[in-house]
Amino acid sequence: MSDSIFTQIIKDKIPSSKVYEDDDVVAFLDIHPINKGHVLVVPKKQYRTIYDTPEDTLAKMMIVAKKLATAIKKAVKADGINIIMNNDPAAGQMVTDHVHLHVIPRHIGDGFREWFGVGTYNATEMDDYAEKIRKAC
């Protein structure tokens, strides 16, 4: 796998505004933020999606995201925080060769729209889908 844009940032080949770094994870401001203070949490080792990222790496990413969520909320006086991970292009993953978490400060009335469930299940579908998922685990 060739170096992703995030790997290039990690290696300081591309400038960034880092806000956190340790042996495993780096976090930096998103260059196209939803709101100012929007940060990306990225493992230093390159994995494509949640599916191939080791659980200990995912856990470390979430621990860092929690730490940053608290700091960002305070620093930018946000009303709330979204933590989002998109996996695969169909789910909105734009940097498709390096897993990452978005930590997004939110302000009441900021205009960013989340998704709203518009689908429904018929009388038996919910149990059927739950069974399919349990079997796939």
N, C-alpha and C. Protein backbone atom coordinates (compact mmCIF):
# COMPACT_ATOMS: atom_id res chain seq x y z
N MET A 1 0.85 -1.18 0.00
CA MET A 1 0.00 0.00 0.00
C MET A 1 0.90 1.24 0.00
N SER A 2 0.63 2.18 -0.87
CA SER A 2 1.43 3.40 -0.93
C SER A 2 1.03 4.32 0.22
N ASP A 3 1.93 5.24 0.54
CA ASP A 3 1.67 6.18 1.63
C ASP A 3 0.43 7.01 1.34
N SER A 4 -0.48 7.04 2.30
CA SER A 4 -1.67 7.88 2.18
C SER A 4 -1.29 9.33 2.45
N ILE A 5 -2.21 10.24 2.16
CA ILE A 5 -1.97 11.64 2.49
C ILE A 5 -1.75 11.80 3.99
N PHE A 6 -2.45 10.97 4.80
CA PHE A 6 -2.27 11.04 6.24
C PHE A 6 -0.89 10.53 6.66
N THR A 7 -0.41 9.48 6.02
CA THR A 7 0.94 8.98 6.31
C THR A 7 1.96 10.06 5.98
N GLN A 8 1.74 10.79 4.89
CA GLN A 8 2.65 11.88 4.54
C GLN A 8 2.61 12.99 5.59
N ILE A 9 1.43 13.26 6.15
CA ILE A 9 1.33 14.24 7.24
C ILE A 9 2.07 13.72 8.47
N ILE A 10 1.87 12.45 8.80
CA ILE A 10 2.53 11.84 9.96
C ILE A 10 4.05 11.95 9.83
N LYS A 11 4.55 11.74 8.62
CA LYS A 11 6.00 11.81 8.36
C LYS A 11 6.49 13.24 8.12
N ASP A 12 5.61 14.22 8.31
CA ASP A 12 5.94 15.64 8.13
C ASP A 12 6.36 15.98 6.70
N LYS A 13 5.90 15.19 5.74
CA LYS A 13 6.14 15.50 4.33
C LYS A 13 5.13 16.53 3.82
N ILE A 14 4.00 16.62 4.51
CA ILE A 14 2.95 17.60 4.21
C ILE A 14 2.70 18.36 5.50
N PRO A 15 2.66 19.69 5.45
CA PRO A 15 2.43 20.46 6.68
C PRO A 15 1.02 20.23 7.22
N SER A 16 0.91 20.32 8.54
CA SER A 16 -0.39 20.19 9.21
C SER A 16 -0.34 20.95 10.52
N SER A 17 -1.50 21.10 11.11
CA SER A 17 -1.59 21.71 12.44
C SER A 17 -1.96 20.61 13.42
N LYS A 18 -0.92 19.95 13.94
CA LYS A 18 -1.12 18.84 14.87
C LYS A 18 -1.56 19.37 16.23
N VAL A 19 -2.49 18.64 16.84
CA VAL A 19 -2.96 19.00 18.17
C VAL A 19 -2.65 17.91 19.20
N TYR A 20 -2.24 16.73 18.71
CA TYR A 20 -1.93 15.61 19.61
C TYR A 20 -1.06 14.62 18.85
N GLU A 21 -0.10 14.03 19.59
CA GLU A 21 0.71 12.97 18.98
C GLU A 21 1.30 12.10 20.08
N ASP A 22 1.26 10.78 19.86
CA ASP A 22 1.96 9.84 20.72
C ASP A 22 2.58 8.78 19.82
N ASP A 23 2.99 7.66 20.37
CA ASP A 23 3.65 6.63 19.57
C ASP A 23 2.74 5.97 18.54
N ASP A 24 1.43 6.00 18.78
CA ASP A 24 0.49 5.25 17.94
C ASP A 24 -0.46 6.09 17.11
N VAL A 25 -0.76 7.29 17.58
CA VAL A 25 -1.84 8.09 17.00
C VAL A 25 -1.38 9.54 16.85
N VAL A 26 -1.90 10.18 15.83
CA VAL A 26 -1.69 11.62 15.65
C VAL A 26 -3.06 12.25 15.37
N ALA A 27 -3.22 13.49 15.79
CA ALA A 27 -4.46 14.22 15.52
C ALA A 27 -4.09 15.61 15.03
N PHE A 28 -4.82 16.07 14.02
CA PHE A 28 -4.53 17.36 13.42
C PHE A 28 -5.82 17.98 12.91
N LEU A 29 -5.78 19.30 12.71
CA LEU A 29 -6.96 20.00 12.22
C LEU A 29 -7.27 19.57 10.79
N ASP A 30 -8.55 19.35 10.52
CA ASP A 30 -9.03 19.04 9.17
C ASP A 30 -8.92 20.31 8.33
N ILE A 31 -8.37 20.20 7.11
CA ILE A 31 -8.21 21.39 6.27
C ILE A 31 -9.53 21.86 5.65
N HIS A 32 -10.56 21.03 5.71
CA HIS A 32 -11.89 21.40 5.25
C HIS A 32 -12.89 21.13 6.38
N PRO A 33 -12.83 21.93 7.44
CA PRO A 33 -13.61 21.61 8.64
C PRO A 33 -15.11 21.86 8.47
N ILE A 34 -15.89 21.05 9.19
CA ILE A 34 -17.32 21.32 9.32
C ILE A 34 -17.47 22.60 10.14
N ASN A 35 -16.75 22.68 11.24
CA ASN A 35 -16.65 23.88 12.07
C ASN A 35 -15.19 24.01 12.49
N LYS A 36 -14.77 25.21 12.81
CA LYS A 36 -13.38 25.43 13.24
C LYS A 36 -13.12 24.64 14.51
N GLY A 37 -11.99 23.94 14.51
CA GLY A 37 -11.64 23.05 15.60
C GLY A 37 -11.87 21.60 15.25
N HIS A 38 -12.40 21.31 14.06
CA HIS A 38 -12.64 19.94 13.56
C HIS A 38 -11.29 19.24 13.42
N VAL A 39 -11.14 18.11 14.10
CA VAL A 39 -9.87 17.39 14.17
C VAL A 39 -10.03 15.98 13.61
N LEU A 40 -8.98 15.47 12.99
CA LEU A 40 -8.92 14.09 12.53
C LEU A 40 -7.98 13.32 13.45
N VAL A 41 -8.41 12.16 13.91
CA VAL A 41 -7.59 11.27 14.74
C VAL A 41 -7.21 10.09 13.86
N VAL A 42 -5.90 9.89 13.68
CA VAL A 42 -5.38 8.96 12.69
C VAL A 42 -4.33 8.04 13.32
N PRO A 43 -4.43 6.73 13.11
CA PRO A 43 -3.35 5.87 13.60
C PRO A 43 -2.10 6.09 12.74
N LYS A 44 -0.93 5.97 13.35
CA LYS A 44 0.30 6.16 12.60
C LYS A 44 0.53 5.02 11.61
N LYS A 45 0.09 3.83 11.97
CA LYS A 45 0.17 2.71 11.03
C LYS A 45 -1.05 2.79 10.12
N GLN A 46 -0.84 2.58 8.85
CA GLN A 46 -1.89 2.75 7.86
C GLN A 46 -2.77 1.51 7.71
N TYR A 47 -4.05 1.68 7.99
CA TYR A 47 -5.09 0.68 7.72
C TYR A 47 -6.16 1.38 6.91
N ARG A 48 -6.86 0.62 6.07
CA ARG A 48 -7.85 1.24 5.19
C ARG A 48 -9.15 1.62 5.91
N THR A 49 -9.72 0.70 6.65
CA THR A 49 -11.03 0.92 7.26
C THR A 49 -11.09 0.27 8.63
N ILE A 50 -12.22 0.41 9.29
CA ILE A 50 -12.44 -0.22 10.59
C ILE A 50 -12.29 -1.73 10.51
N TYR A 51 -12.62 -2.31 9.34
CA TYR A 51 -12.63 -3.77 9.20
C TYR A 51 -11.25 -4.39 9.35
N ASP A 52 -10.21 -3.68 8.93
CA ASP A 52 -8.86 -4.26 9.01
C ASP A 52 -7.98 -3.58 10.07
N THR A 53 -8.56 -2.70 10.87
CA THR A 53 -7.81 -2.03 11.93
C THR A 53 -7.88 -2.86 13.21
N PRO A 54 -6.74 -3.17 13.81
CA PRO A 54 -6.76 -3.95 15.05
C PRO A 54 -7.56 -3.26 16.15
N GLU A 55 -8.18 -4.06 16.99
CA GLU A 55 -9.03 -3.52 18.05
C GLU A 55 -8.27 -2.62 19.01
N ASP A 56 -7.01 -2.94 19.31
CA ASP A 56 -6.27 -2.08 20.23
C ASP A 56 -5.99 -0.71 19.60
N THR A 57 -5.83 -0.66 18.30
CA THR A 57 -5.64 0.61 17.61
C THR A 57 -6.93 1.42 17.62
N LEU A 58 -8.05 0.76 17.35
CA LEU A 58 -9.34 1.45 17.41
C LEU A 58 -9.61 1.99 18.81
N ALA A 59 -9.28 1.19 19.83
CA ALA A 59 -9.48 1.64 21.20
C ALA A 59 -8.63 2.87 21.49
N LYS A 60 -7.39 2.86 21.05
CA LYS A 60 -6.50 4.01 21.27
C LYS A 60 -7.04 5.25 20.56
N MET A 61 -7.53 5.07 19.34
CA MET A 61 -8.11 6.20 18.60
C MET A 61 -9.28 6.81 19.37
N MET A 62 -10.13 5.95 19.95
CA MET A 62 -11.30 6.46 20.67
C MET A 62 -10.90 7.13 21.98
N ILE A 63 -9.88 6.60 22.65
CA ILE A 63 -9.39 7.24 23.87
C ILE A 63 -8.88 8.65 23.55
N VAL A 64 -8.13 8.77 22.47
CA VAL A 64 -7.62 10.08 22.06
C VAL A 64 -8.77 10.99 21.64
N ALA A 65 -9.75 10.44 20.91
CA ALA A 65 -10.91 11.24 20.49
C ALA A 65 -11.65 11.79 21.70
N LYS A 66 -11.80 10.98 22.76
CA LYS A 66 -12.47 11.45 23.97
C LYS A 66 -11.69 12.60 24.60
N LYS A 67 -10.39 12.43 24.71
CA LYS A 67 -9.54 13.48 25.29
C LYS A 67 -9.67 14.77 24.48
N LEU A 68 -9.63 14.64 23.16
CA LEU A 68 -9.72 15.81 22.30
C LEU A 68 -11.12 16.42 22.31
N ALA A 69 -12.16 15.59 22.40
CA ALA A 69 -13.53 16.11 22.45
C ALA A 69 -13.69 17.06 23.62
N THR A 70 -13.16 16.66 24.77
CA THR A 70 -13.24 17.50 25.96
C THR A 70 -12.48 18.80 25.74
N ALA A 71 -11.27 18.70 25.19
CA ALA A 71 -10.44 19.88 24.97
C ALA A 71 -11.05 20.81 23.91
N ILE A 72 -11.53 20.23 22.82
CA ILE A 72 -12.11 21.03 21.73
C ILE A 72 -13.36 21.77 22.22
N LYS A 73 -14.22 21.04 22.93
CA LYS A 73 -15.46 21.66 23.43
C LYS A 73 -15.14 22.89 24.26
N LYS A 74 -14.15 22.76 25.12
CA LYS A 74 -13.74 23.87 25.97
C LYS A 74 -13.08 24.99 25.14
N ALA A 75 -12.15 24.61 24.27
CA ALA A 75 -11.36 25.59 23.54
C ALA A 75 -12.19 26.46 22.60
N VAL A 76 -13.18 25.85 21.92
CA VAL A 76 -13.96 26.61 20.93
C VAL A 76 -15.36 26.94 21.43
N LYS A 77 -15.60 26.64 22.71
CA LYS A 77 -16.90 26.91 23.33
C LYS A 77 -18.04 26.28 22.54
N ALA A 78 -17.84 25.00 22.17
CA ALA A 78 -18.84 24.26 21.40
C ALA A 78 -20.00 23.85 22.30
N ASP A 79 -21.16 23.70 21.67
CA ASP A 79 -22.35 23.22 22.38
C ASP A 79 -22.40 21.70 22.44
N GLY A 80 -21.63 21.05 21.58
CA GLY A 80 -21.60 19.59 21.53
C GLY A 80 -20.48 19.13 20.63
N ILE A 81 -20.32 17.82 20.53
CA ILE A 81 -19.25 17.21 19.72
C ILE A 81 -19.83 16.01 18.98
N ASN A 82 -19.51 15.88 17.70
CA ASN A 82 -19.77 14.66 16.94
C ASN A 82 -18.45 13.92 16.79
N ILE A 83 -18.49 12.60 16.95
CA ILE A 83 -17.35 11.74 16.62
C ILE A 83 -17.85 10.80 15.55
N ILE A 84 -17.22 10.87 14.37
CA ILE A 84 -17.72 10.15 13.19
C ILE A 84 -16.58 9.39 12.54
N MET A 85 -16.86 8.17 12.09
CA MET A 85 -15.93 7.41 11.27
C MET A 85 -16.70 6.91 10.06
N ASN A 86 -16.24 7.28 8.88
CA ASN A 86 -16.84 6.81 7.63
C ASN A 86 -15.98 5.66 7.10
N ASN A 87 -16.62 4.58 6.69
CA ASN A 87 -15.90 3.42 6.17
C ASN A 87 -16.43 3.05 4.80
N ASP A 88 -15.59 3.12 3.82
CA ASP A 88 -15.88 2.85 2.42
C ASP A 88 -16.52 4.09 1.76
N PRO A 89 -16.32 4.24 0.47
CA PRO A 89 -16.86 5.40 -0.24
C PRO A 89 -18.39 5.55 -0.10
N ALA A 90 -19.12 4.45 -0.07
CA ALA A 90 -20.58 4.53 0.05
C ALA A 90 -21.00 5.19 1.35
N ALA A 91 -20.14 5.14 2.36
CA ALA A 91 -20.44 5.74 3.66
C ALA A 91 -19.77 7.12 3.82
N GLY A 92 -19.17 7.63 2.74
CA GLY A 92 -18.59 8.96 2.78
C GLY A 92 -17.11 9.03 3.10
N GLN A 93 -16.40 7.89 3.11
CA GLN A 93 -14.96 7.91 3.38
C GLN A 93 -14.26 8.51 2.17
N MET A 94 -13.67 9.70 2.36
CA MET A 94 -13.01 10.38 1.24
C MET A 94 -11.53 10.02 1.13
N VAL A 95 -10.84 9.88 2.26
CA VAL A 95 -9.47 9.37 2.25
C VAL A 95 -9.62 7.87 2.47
N THR A 96 -9.69 7.14 1.35
CA THR A 96 -10.10 5.74 1.40
C THR A 96 -8.98 4.77 1.72
N ASP A 97 -7.77 5.28 1.93
CA ASP A 97 -6.66 4.38 2.19
C ASP A 97 -6.07 4.55 3.59
N HIS A 98 -6.79 5.25 4.49
CA HIS A 98 -6.29 5.42 5.86
C HIS A 98 -7.47 5.72 6.79
N VAL A 99 -7.73 4.78 7.68
CA VAL A 99 -8.83 4.94 8.64
C VAL A 99 -8.61 6.18 9.50
N HIS A 100 -9.71 6.85 9.88
CA HIS A 100 -9.60 8.04 10.71
C HIS A 100 -10.94 8.35 11.36
N LEU A 101 -10.87 9.05 12.47
CA LEU A 101 -12.04 9.55 13.18
C LEU A 101 -12.11 11.06 13.03
N HIS A 102 -13.32 11.56 12.85
CA HIS A 102 -13.56 13.00 12.87
C HIS A 102 -14.05 13.37 14.26
N VAL A 103 -13.47 14.39 14.86
CA VAL A 103 -13.98 14.97 16.10
C VAL A 103 -14.41 16.38 15.74
N ILE A 104 -15.73 16.59 15.72
CA ILE A 104 -16.29 17.82 15.15
C ILE A 104 -17.01 18.63 16.22
N PRO A 105 -16.53 19.85 16.49
CA PRO A 105 -17.27 20.70 17.42
C PRO A 105 -18.57 21.16 16.77
N ARG A 106 -19.62 21.20 17.57
CA ARG A 106 -20.93 21.60 17.07
C ARG A 106 -21.45 22.80 17.86
N HIS A 107 -22.14 23.67 17.15
CA HIS A 107 -22.74 24.85 17.74
C HIS A 107 -24.21 24.86 17.36
N ILE A 108 -25.06 25.19 18.30
CA ILE A 108 -26.50 25.26 18.00
C ILE A 108 -26.69 26.20 16.82
N GLY A 109 -27.42 25.71 15.81
CA GLY A 109 -27.70 26.51 14.63
C GLY A 109 -26.56 26.59 13.63
N ASP A 110 -25.56 25.69 13.72
CA ASP A 110 -24.41 25.77 12.81
C ASP A 110 -24.72 25.32 11.39
N GLY A 111 -25.88 24.71 11.17
CA GLY A 111 -26.29 24.35 9.83
C GLY A 111 -25.81 23.00 9.35
N PHE A 112 -24.94 22.34 10.10
CA PHE A 112 -24.49 21.00 9.71
C PHE A 112 -25.61 20.02 9.98
N ARG A 113 -25.97 19.25 8.98
CA ARG A 113 -27.09 18.33 9.11
C ARG A 113 -26.60 16.91 9.28
N GLU A 114 -27.10 16.26 10.29
CA GLU A 114 -26.83 14.85 10.46
C GLU A 114 -27.85 14.08 9.65
N TRP A 115 -27.67 12.78 9.59
CA TRP A 115 -28.63 11.94 8.90
C TRP A 115 -29.79 11.64 9.83
N PHE A 116 -30.93 11.42 9.24
CA PHE A 116 -32.11 11.05 10.01
C PHE A 116 -32.64 9.75 9.43
N GLY A 117 -32.99 8.82 10.29
CA GLY A 117 -33.54 7.56 9.82
C GLY A 117 -34.84 7.78 9.08
N VAL A 118 -34.90 7.31 7.85
CA VAL A 118 -36.12 7.47 7.06
C VAL A 118 -36.72 6.12 6.68
N GLY A 119 -35.98 5.06 6.96
CA GLY A 119 -36.47 3.73 6.63
C GLY A 119 -37.34 3.18 7.75
N THR A 120 -38.03 2.12 7.42
CA THR A 120 -38.84 1.43 8.42
C THR A 120 -38.69 -0.07 8.21
N TYR A 121 -39.08 -0.83 9.19
CA TYR A 121 -39.12 -2.28 9.10
C TYR A 121 -40.58 -2.70 9.13
N ASN A 122 -40.91 -3.77 8.39
CA ASN A 122 -42.25 -4.31 8.54
C ASN A 122 -42.28 -5.17 9.80
N ALA A 123 -43.37 -5.84 10.05
CA ALA A 123 -43.59 -6.56 11.32
C ALA A 123 -42.52 -7.60 11.63
N THR A 124 -41.92 -8.25 10.62
CA THR A 124 -40.94 -9.31 10.88
C THR A 124 -39.51 -8.93 10.51
N GLU A 125 -39.33 -7.88 9.74
CA GLU A 125 -37.99 -7.54 9.24
C GLU A 125 -36.98 -7.23 10.35
N MET A 126 -37.40 -6.54 11.38
CA MET A 126 -36.45 -6.16 12.42
C MET A 126 -35.83 -7.40 13.04
N ASP A 127 -36.64 -8.38 13.38
CA ASP A 127 -36.11 -9.62 13.94
C ASP A 127 -35.25 -10.36 12.92
N ASP A 128 -35.65 -10.35 11.65
CA ASP A 128 -34.88 -11.01 10.60
C ASP A 128 -33.49 -10.38 10.45
N TYR A 129 -33.44 -9.06 10.43
CA TYR A 129 -32.15 -8.38 10.30
C TYR A 129 -31.28 -8.59 11.53
N ALA A 130 -31.89 -8.55 12.70
CA ALA A 130 -31.13 -8.81 13.93
C ALA A 130 -30.52 -10.21 13.89
N GLU A 131 -31.28 -11.18 13.41
CA GLU A 131 -30.77 -12.56 13.32
C GLU A 131 -29.63 -12.65 12.32
N LYS A 132 -29.74 -12.00 11.17
CA LYS A 132 -28.68 -12.00 10.17
C LYS A 132 -27.38 -11.43 10.78
N ILE A 133 -27.51 -10.36 11.51
CA ILE A 133 -26.33 -9.72 12.09
C ILE A 133 -25.73 -10.60 13.17
N ARG A 134 -26.56 -11.20 14.02
CA ARG A 134 -26.04 -12.10 15.06
C ARG A 134 -25.28 -13.26 14.44
N LYS A 135 -25.82 -13.83 13.36
CA LYS A 135 -25.16 -14.96 12.68
C LYS A 135 -23.82 -14.55 12.05
N ALA A 136 -23.74 -13.31 11.57
CA ALA A 136 -22.52 -12.83 10.92
C ALA A 136 -21.40 -12.53 11.93
N CYS A 137 -21.78 -12.35 13.19
CA CYS A 137 -20.75 -12.06 14.23
C CYS A 137 -19.97 -13.29 14.44
